[in-house]
């Protein structure tokens, strides 16, 4: 990556070429743009480019933000214009050159996230999370965008004083759009920031919303309302369905831990298989209850029918061995029946302090090659250098995770 700082957020395999996307910083300014590159399977960069906003805004992405290959052979990337807090869709041609950039400024007072995108019958559909007018609670939204970047319609789902979000969505055989996600109380949302909570107030429900391709609500379903302290529910970050209608998704599950008389929530990364109605068939926890930000971001099917996930994992500090606390890249594989086959953590930088946010290392995208080899991409944030710097990184493994 020919830039003073950047991150990788998504990767695709197109024939024998790896396509990656993320963000990169301008060489002569602090402006951040969308990075696109083609790489061979040996890790050699074939071509790369960066798209910057012509008005000087930063084009922001986070873990789990998607890039797709489009019906015309090009690519589409979603994100948020940081200062304007508007969702955007960037359309690239087959070589990664920008064809158009579309930004939507009438989607709520502030877009928090704009993560997912797919294309169906020459229409782009994207999903994200926006703030309610109060500026406190979140609603989920879907956008429909034509081939020239024009907004066809937007759909918003949410209730006052609740947090709603869609983890992923897809087109069904009937031609409707199914959105998978969850809704939760305000106390639950605080878990994401590691706050102290009242367990009785922290709950969430699985949420499934069905709309047609005109943006009209067909139906919505909510699962059982679970107290987070029961450590039953999980959040889905990436969802796939198999040929039998079963769902597979990765995310987190929570557990309440008492520390010196105060309740803290810590989470464990999970891989879950569900039936067609998204009722859990099995859920495999990966790693220990190690930190409140442990999560898996992406999921891909292995050659043998198992599932490989990618995310981050917190290694607790150990003063006796002088091991510093830090987040590592986290990869794991389960069998078709959900049995943990292997897991690994990867680290490039070790922190010089015991603060867990000084250095964070994530994997946020994973796929397999026809040979069965595994490639994961991600980002590293290093706050111990001045000025702080981000890096994109990739790793290639054999089918056994070595």
Protein backbone atom coordinates (compact mmCIF):
# COMPACT_ATOMS: atom_id res chain seq x y z
CA UNK A 1 0.00 0.00 0.00
CA UNK A 2 1.75 3.13 -1.23
CA UNK A 3 0.37 5.49 1.43
CA UNK A 4 1.46 6.79 4.85
CA UNK A 5 -1.39 4.90 6.51
CA UNK A 6 -4.32 2.74 5.61
CA UNK A 7 -6.51 -0.26 6.37
CA UNK A 8 -7.94 -3.25 4.49
CA UNK A 9 -11.60 -4.08 5.00
CA UNK A 10 -12.66 -6.51 2.28
CA UNK A 11 -11.29 -9.00 -0.23
CA UNK A 12 -12.64 -11.08 -3.11
CA UNK A 13 -11.23 -13.81 -5.29
CA UNK A 14 -11.91 -13.19 -9.01
CA UNK A 15 -10.57 -16.10 -11.04
CA UNK A 16 -6.89 -16.17 -9.96
CA UNK A 17 -6.68 -12.55 -8.78
CA UNK A 18 -7.30 -11.20 -5.27
CA UNK A 19 -9.28 -7.95 -5.15
CA UNK A 20 -8.90 -5.92 -1.96
CA UNK A 21 -10.45 -2.68 -0.74
CA UNK A 22 -9.98 -0.42 2.25
CA UNK A 23 -8.85 3.11 3.03
CA UNK A 24 -5.59 5.00 2.52
CA UNK A 25 -4.27 8.40 3.60
CA UNK A 26 -3.15 11.05 1.10
CA UNK A 27 0.64 11.41 0.86
CA UNK A 28 0.53 15.19 1.44
CA UNK A 29 -2.50 15.58 3.70
CA UNK A 30 -4.51 13.72 6.30
CA UNK A 31 -7.42 13.11 3.93
CA UNK A 32 -8.55 9.48 3.80
CA UNK A 33 -9.87 7.87 0.61
CA UNK A 34 -11.01 4.47 -0.68
CA UNK A 35 -8.16 2.11 -1.58
CA UNK A 36 -8.51 -0.56 -4.30
CA UNK A 37 -5.91 -3.09 -5.43
CA UNK A 38 -5.44 -6.28 -7.42
CA UNK A 39 -2.97 -8.83 -6.03
CA UNK A 40 -1.86 -12.24 -7.26
CA UNK A 41 -2.08 -15.30 -5.02
CA UNK A 42 1.60 -14.93 -4.09
CA UNK A 43 0.98 -11.49 -2.59
CA UNK A 44 2.40 -9.35 -5.40
CA UNK A 45 0.53 -6.07 -6.05
CA UNK A 46 -0.57 -5.91 -9.70
CA UNK A 47 -2.34 -2.54 -9.61
CA UNK A 48 -3.62 -0.12 -6.96
CA UNK A 49 -5.51 3.15 -6.83
CA UNK A 50 -7.08 5.48 -4.26
CA UNK A 51 -10.29 7.49 -4.70
CA UNK A 52 -10.50 10.75 -2.69
CA UNK A 53 -13.55 12.94 -2.10
CA UNK A 54 -13.21 16.06 -4.27
CA UNK A 55 -14.61 18.23 -1.43
CA UNK A 56 -11.94 17.15 1.03
CA UNK A 57 -14.02 14.88 3.29
CA UNK A 58 -12.68 11.60 4.66
CA UNK A 59 -14.27 8.50 3.17
CA UNK A 60 -14.64 6.21 6.16
CA UNK A 61 -15.04 2.47 6.50
CA UNK A 62 -15.07 0.05 9.41
CA UNK A 63 -14.64 -3.68 9.89
CA UNK A 64 -17.25 -5.55 7.88
CA UNK A 65 -17.82 -2.85 5.23
CA UNK A 66 -18.39 -4.59 1.91
CA UNK A 67 -17.13 -4.55 -1.63
CA UNK A 68 -18.89 -6.65 -4.29
CA UNK A 69 -18.23 -7.60 -7.90
CA UNK A 70 -21.01 -6.06 -10.00
CA UNK A 71 -23.04 -7.52 -12.85
CA UNK A 72 -21.05 -5.53 -15.43
CA UNK A 73 -17.71 -6.88 -14.16
CA UNK A 74 -16.81 -3.84 -12.07
CA UNK A 75 -16.99 -3.29 -8.31
CA UNK A 76 -19.12 -1.41 -5.78
CA UNK A 77 -17.93 -0.23 -2.34
CA UNK A 78 -19.96 1.26 0.53
CA UNK A 79 -18.94 3.63 3.30
CA UNK A 80 -19.68 6.92 5.06
CA UNK A 81 -18.50 10.46 4.27
CA UNK A 82 -17.11 11.14 7.72
CA UNK A 83 -17.66 14.88 8.23
CA UNK A 84 -20.94 15.04 6.34
CA UNK A 85 -22.12 11.76 7.98
CA UNK A 86 -23.74 10.65 4.72
CA UNK A 87 -23.75 7.11 3.30
CA UNK A 88 -22.05 6.68 -0.08
CA UNK A 89 -21.71 4.10 -2.86
CA UNK A 90 -18.59 4.13 -5.05
CA UNK A 91 -18.85 2.37 -8.43
CA UNK A 92 -15.61 1.22 -10.07
CA UNK A 93 -14.98 -0.34 -13.48
CA UNK A 94 -13.24 -3.68 -13.99
CA UNK A 95 -9.82 -1.99 -13.62
CA UNK A 96 -10.72 -0.13 -10.43
CA UNK A 97 -11.27 3.28 -12.05
CA UNK A 98 -14.10 5.35 -10.55
CA UNK A 99 -17.21 5.46 -12.75
CA UNK A 100 -19.34 7.41 -10.30
CA UNK A 101 -19.63 8.31 -6.63
CA UNK A 102 -23.08 8.78 -5.08
CA UNK A 103 -23.77 10.25 -1.66
CA UNK A 104 -27.17 10.47 0.05
CA UNK A 105 -27.74 13.38 2.40
CA UNK A 106 -31.39 12.85 3.36
CA UNK A 107 -30.96 9.55 5.25
CA UNK A 108 -31.56 10.60 8.86
CA UNK A 109 -29.62 13.26 10.79
CA UNK A 110 -26.44 11.14 10.94
CA UNK A 111 -25.36 7.83 9.41
CA UNK A 112 -23.53 5.69 11.95
CA UNK A 113 -22.66 2.74 9.70
CA UNK A 114 -23.16 1.78 6.06
CA UNK A 115 -21.85 -1.76 5.78
CA UNK A 116 -23.57 -4.07 3.30
CA UNK A 117 -24.30 -4.01 -0.44
CA UNK A 118 -25.60 -6.40 -3.08
CA UNK A 119 -26.88 -6.04 -6.65
CA UNK A 120 -30.03 -7.59 -8.12
CA UNK A 121 -31.49 -6.96 -11.57
CA UNK A 122 -29.24 -3.91 -12.08
CA UNK A 123 -30.27 -2.28 -8.79
CA UNK A 124 -27.88 -1.81 -5.87
CA UNK A 125 -29.23 -2.37 -2.35
CA UNK A 126 -27.25 -1.14 0.65
CA UNK A 127 -27.91 -1.26 4.39
CA UNK A 128 -26.76 0.71 7.40
CA UNK A 129 -27.60 2.31 10.73
CA UNK A 130 -28.67 5.92 11.29
CA UNK A 131 -29.35 8.00 14.37
CA UNK A 132 -32.89 8.89 15.35
CA UNK A 133 -33.62 12.66 15.45
CA UNK A 134 -32.91 12.63 19.20
CA UNK A 135 -29.31 11.70 18.38
CA UNK A 136 -29.35 8.85 20.91
CA UNK A 137 -31.06 5.78 19.43
CA UNK A 138 -30.35 3.96 16.15
CA UNK A 139 -32.62 2.84 13.31
CA UNK A 140 -31.76 0.45 10.48
CA UNK A 141 -32.15 1.49 6.85
CA UNK A 142 -32.04 0.05 3.31
CA UNK A 143 -31.27 2.09 0.17
CA UNK A 144 -32.10 1.17 -3.44
CA UNK A 145 -29.80 2.83 -6.01
CA UNK A 146 -29.90 2.68 -9.83
CA UNK A 147 -26.97 2.16 -12.21
CA UNK A 148 -26.26 5.89 -12.37
CA UNK A 149 -26.11 6.39 -8.60
CA UNK A 150 -29.63 7.82 -8.21
CA UNK A 151 -31.60 6.95 -5.08
CA UNK A 152 -34.74 5.01 -6.00
CA UNK A 153 -36.13 4.66 -2.50
CA UNK A 154 -35.08 4.30 1.14
CA UNK A 155 -36.62 2.11 3.82
CA UNK A 156 -36.23 2.79 7.53
CA UNK A 157 -37.02 0.41 10.38
CA UNK A 158 -36.99 1.25 14.07
CA UNK A 159 -38.88 2.09 17.20
CA UNK A 160 -38.30 5.04 19.50
CA UNK A 161 -35.88 4.41 22.38
CA UNK A 162 -34.53 1.16 20.90
CA UNK A 163 -31.45 0.24 18.88
CA UNK A 164 -32.13 -1.59 15.60
CA UNK A 165 -29.57 -2.79 13.08
CA UNK A 166 -29.32 -5.16 10.12
CA UNK A 167 -26.28 -7.46 10.11
CA UNK A 168 -26.83 -8.69 6.56
CA UNK A 169 -29.50 -9.12 3.89
CA UNK A 170 -30.28 -11.09 0.73
CA UNK A 171 -32.82 -11.62 -2.06
CA UNK A 172 -35.15 -14.61 -1.63
CA UNK A 173 -36.56 -16.91 -4.30
CA UNK A 174 -39.79 -14.89 -4.17
CA UNK A 175 -37.88 -11.73 -5.09
CA UNK A 176 -38.24 -10.06 -1.69
CA UNK A 177 -35.42 -8.76 0.49
CA UNK A 178 -34.81 -10.48 3.83
CA UNK A 179 -32.87 -8.42 6.39
CA UNK A 180 -31.27 -10.19 9.37
CA UNK A 181 -30.26 -8.30 12.48
CA UNK A 182 -31.35 -7.45 15.97
CA UNK A 183 -32.86 -4.86 18.26
CA UNK A 184 -31.94 -4.06 21.83
CA UNK A 185 -32.45 -1.81 24.80
CA UNK A 186 -30.32 1.22 25.46
CA UNK A 187 -28.57 -0.55 28.32
CA UNK A 188 -27.48 -3.28 25.91
CA UNK A 189 -25.89 -0.82 23.48
CA UNK A 190 -23.53 0.32 26.19
CA UNK A 191 -21.82 -3.07 26.09
CA UNK A 192 -20.10 -2.06 22.88
CA UNK A 193 -18.25 0.59 24.81
CA UNK A 194 -17.44 -1.52 27.86
CA UNK A 195 -19.67 0.44 30.23
CA UNK A 196 -21.11 -0.68 33.53
CA UNK A 197 -24.73 -1.70 33.05
CA UNK A 198 -27.75 -2.81 35.03
CA UNK A 199 -28.24 -6.43 33.90
CA UNK A 200 -32.02 -6.29 34.29
CA UNK A 201 -32.15 -3.52 31.66
CA UNK A 202 -29.89 -5.16 29.08
CA UNK A 203 -31.75 -7.29 26.53
CA UNK A 204 -31.77 -8.04 22.82
CA UNK A 205 -33.86 -9.87 20.23
CA UNK A 206 -33.03 -11.38 16.89
CA UNK A 207 -34.80 -9.43 14.14
CA UNK A 208 -35.87 -10.49 10.65
CA UNK A 209 -37.52 -7.96 8.32
CA UNK A 210 -38.94 -8.75 4.88
CA UNK A 211 -39.54 -5.98 2.30
CA UNK A 212 -40.27 -6.03 -1.41
CA UNK A 213 -38.07 -4.49 -4.08
CA UNK A 214 -40.18 -1.32 -3.93
CA UNK A 215 -39.18 -0.73 -0.32
CA UNK A 216 -42.52 -1.73 1.19
CA UNK A 217 -42.66 -3.70 4.44
CA UNK A 218 -44.03 -7.23 3.99
CA UNK A 219 -43.41 -8.70 7.42
CA UNK A 220 -41.15 -8.55 10.45
CA UNK A 221 -40.27 -11.17 13.06
CA UNK A 222 -38.59 -10.82 16.44
CA UNK A 223 -37.11 -13.70 18.38
CA UNK A 224 -37.25 -14.35 22.09
CA UNK A 225 -36.13 -11.42 24.21
CA UNK A 226 -33.02 -12.48 26.12
CA UNK A 227 -31.30 -10.77 28.98
CA UNK A 228 -27.70 -10.36 27.93
CA UNK A 229 -26.66 -11.66 31.37
CA UNK A 230 -28.15 -15.03 30.37
CA UNK A 231 -25.31 -15.31 27.84
CA UNK A 232 -27.65 -16.87 25.25
CA UNK A 233 -27.96 -14.31 22.51
CA UNK A 234 -25.37 -13.25 19.97
CA UNK A 235 -24.90 -10.54 17.38
CA UNK A 236 -24.45 -11.51 13.73
CA UNK A 237 -21.81 -9.65 11.74
CA UNK A 238 -21.90 -11.65 8.52
CA UNK A 239 -24.63 -14.07 7.47
CA UNK A 240 -24.77 -16.74 4.76
CA UNK A 241 -27.49 -19.22 3.85
CA UNK A 242 -26.83 -22.63 2.36
CA UNK A 243 -28.73 -24.58 -0.30
CA UNK A 244 -31.11 -25.91 2.35
CA UNK A 245 -32.10 -22.49 3.68
CA UNK A 246 -30.00 -22.89 6.82
CA UNK A 247 -28.22 -19.78 8.04
CA UNK A 248 -24.63 -19.48 9.18
CA UNK A 249 -23.34 -16.37 10.86
CA UNK A 250 -20.51 -15.08 13.00
CA UNK A 251 -20.56 -12.54 15.79
CA UNK A 252 -20.38 -12.44 19.56
CA UNK A 253 -22.11 -13.78 22.66
CA UNK A 254 -21.95 -12.06 26.03
CA UNK A 255 -21.35 -13.13 29.60
CA UNK A 256 -21.78 -11.13 32.79
CA UNK A 257 -18.65 -11.14 34.99
CA UNK A 258 -18.45 -9.69 38.48
CA UNK A 259 -15.29 -7.64 39.06
CA UNK A 260 -14.90 -6.23 42.56
CA UNK A 261 -18.66 -6.16 43.00
CA UNK A 262 -19.38 -4.38 39.69
CA UNK A 263 -21.02 -6.06 36.66
CA UNK A 264 -18.98 -6.07 33.44
CA UNK A 265 -19.94 -7.67 30.16
CA UNK A 266 -17.30 -9.63 28.27
CA UNK A 267 -17.89 -11.32 24.96
CA UNK A 268 -16.79 -14.45 23.17
CA UNK A 269 -16.55 -14.82 19.40
CA UNK A 270 -19.10 -17.26 18.01
CA UNK A 271 -20.06 -19.16 14.87
CA UNK A 272 -23.76 -20.09 14.71
CA UNK A 273 -25.83 -22.34 12.46
CA UNK A 274 -29.58 -21.77 12.35
CA UNK A 275 -32.61 -23.20 10.59
CA UNK A 276 -34.48 -21.34 7.84
CA UNK A 277 -36.26 -19.23 10.50
CA UNK A 278 -32.91 -18.40 12.11
CA UNK A 279 -33.52 -20.43 15.24
CA UNK A 280 -30.08 -21.63 16.45
CA UNK A 281 -29.19 -25.26 15.67
CA UNK A 282 -25.71 -24.95 17.18
CA UNK A 283 -23.49 -22.13 18.37
CA UNK A 284 -19.76 -22.62 18.83
CA UNK A 285 -17.85 -20.24 21.07
CA UNK A 286 -14.27 -19.53 20.11
CA UNK A 287 -11.71 -18.45 22.66
CA UNK A 288 -12.25 -17.40 26.25
CA UNK A 289 -14.29 -14.54 27.70
CA UNK A 290 -11.34 -12.26 27.10
CA UNK A 291 -12.52 -8.75 26.31
CA UNK A 292 -15.56 -6.68 25.58
CA UNK A 293 -14.63 -6.18 21.93
CA UNK A 294 -13.86 -9.73 20.82
CA UNK A 295 -15.81 -10.43 17.65
CA UNK A 296 -15.78 -12.33 14.37
CA UNK A 297 -16.46 -10.17 11.30
CA UNK A 298 -16.50 -12.56 8.34
CA UNK A 299 -17.31 -16.15 7.49
CA UNK A 300 -16.53 -18.37 4.51
CA UNK A 301 -17.21 -22.00 3.68
CA UNK A 302 -14.18 -24.29 3.56
CA UNK A 303 -13.53 -26.86 0.85
CA UNK A 304 -14.59 -29.69 3.17
CA UNK A 305 -17.92 -28.07 4.15
CA UNK A 306 -16.68 -26.58 7.40
CA UNK A 307 -16.64 -22.86 8.17
CA UNK A 308 -13.76 -20.41 8.66
CA UNK A 309 -14.20 -17.13 10.53
CA UNK A 310 -12.06 -14.02 10.85
CA UNK A 311 -12.04 -11.34 13.55
CA UNK A 312 -10.07 -10.05 16.54
CA UNK A 313 -9.20 -11.35 20.00
CA UNK A 314 -7.83 -9.64 23.11
CA UNK A 315 -4.74 -11.11 24.78
CA UNK A 316 -4.77 -10.07 28.42
CA UNK A 317 -1.59 -8.53 29.87
CA UNK A 318 0.60 -10.66 32.08
CA UNK A 319 2.94 -8.55 34.20
CA UNK A 320 4.89 -11.58 35.43
CA UNK A 321 5.95 -12.54 31.90
CA UNK A 322 5.96 -8.89 30.77
CA UNK A 323 3.38 -9.72 28.09
CA UNK A 324 1.46 -6.56 27.19
CA UNK A 325 -2.25 -6.49 26.51
CA UNK A 326 -3.12 -6.25 22.83
CA UNK A 327 -5.70 -7.23 20.22
CA UNK A 328 -4.61 -9.88 17.73
CA UNK A 329 -6.00 -11.10 14.45
CA UNK A 330 -8.19 -14.15 15.13
CA UNK A 331 -9.00 -17.01 12.73
CA UNK A 332 -10.89 -20.21 13.49
CA UNK A 333 -12.40 -23.18 11.70
CA UNK A 334 -15.31 -25.40 12.73
CA UNK A 335 -16.51 -28.62 11.12
CA UNK A 336 -19.83 -28.95 9.34
CA UNK A 337 -21.27 -30.00 12.73
CA UNK A 338 -19.86 -27.00 14.59
CA UNK A 339 -16.92 -28.69 16.30
CA UNK A 340 -13.92 -26.41 16.70
CA UNK A 341 -11.17 -27.80 14.45
CA UNK A 342 -8.50 -25.13 14.95
CA UNK A 343 -8.00 -21.50 15.87
CA UNK A 344 -5.05 -19.14 15.81
CA UNK A 345 -4.10 -15.59 16.72
CA UNK A 346 -1.62 -13.48 14.76
CA UNK A 347 0.32 -10.44 15.95
CA UNK A 348 2.72 -8.07 14.17
CA UNK A 349 3.11 -5.47 16.93
CA UNK A 350 3.23 -5.94 20.70
CA UNK A 351 2.21 -3.04 22.92
CA UNK A 352 4.66 -1.23 25.16
CA UNK A 353 1.96 -0.52 27.76
CA UNK A 354 -0.81 -2.45 29.42
CA UNK A 355 -3.57 -0.43 27.74
CA UNK A 356 -5.64 -2.67 25.50
CA UNK A 357 -6.36 0.01 22.87
CA UNK A 358 -2.75 1.05 22.22
CA UNK A 359 -2.38 -1.51 19.40
CA UNK A 360 -5.33 -3.28 17.76
CA UNK A 361 -4.95 -5.93 15.08
CA UNK A 362 -7.98 -7.24 13.20
CA UNK A 363 -8.85 -9.69 10.47
CA UNK A 364 -12.13 -8.65 8.85
CA UNK A 365 -12.32 -10.64 5.60
CA UNK A 366 -11.52 -14.26 4.75
CA UNK A 367 -11.89 -16.53 1.72
CA UNK A 368 -10.45 -19.78 0.38
CA UNK A 369 -8.58 -20.52 -2.84
CA UNK A 370 -9.51 -23.52 -5.05
CA UNK A 371 -6.50 -25.31 -3.52
CA UNK A 372 -8.08 -24.97 -0.08
CA UNK A 373 -5.56 -22.36 1.08
CA UNK A 374 -6.96 -19.56 3.23
CA UNK A 375 -6.36 -15.82 2.79
CA UNK A 376 -7.42 -13.24 5.38
CA UNK A 377 -7.09 -9.45 5.23
CA UNK A 378 -7.43 -6.81 7.90
CA UNK A 379 -6.05 -3.72 9.58
CA UNK A 380 -3.68 -2.73 12.36
CA UNK A 381 -4.01 0.49 14.38
CA UNK A 382 -0.87 1.55 16.25
CA UNK A 383 -1.41 4.41 18.72
CA UNK A 384 2.01 4.03 20.34
CA UNK A 385 3.80 5.79 17.49
CA UNK A 386 3.57 9.54 16.84
CA UNK A 387 1.58 10.31 14.84
CA UNK A 388 -0.62 7.18 15.15
CA UNK A 389 -0.62 4.99 12.06
CA UNK A 390 -2.85 2.33 10.48
CA UNK A 391 -1.70 -0.55 8.30
CA UNK A 392 -3.37 -3.04 6.00
CA UNK A 393 -2.21 -6.64 6.34
CA UNK A 394 -2.82 -10.04 4.75
CA UNK A 395 -1.98 -13.63 5.68
CA UNK A 396 -2.06 -16.86 3.66
CA UNK A 397 -2.54 -20.24 5.37
CA UNK A 398 -2.83 -23.83 4.27
CA UNK A 399 -6.19 -25.65 4.77
CA UNK A 400 -5.09 -26.74 8.27
CA UNK A 401 -4.50 -23.15 9.41
CA UNK A 402 -0.69 -23.31 9.21
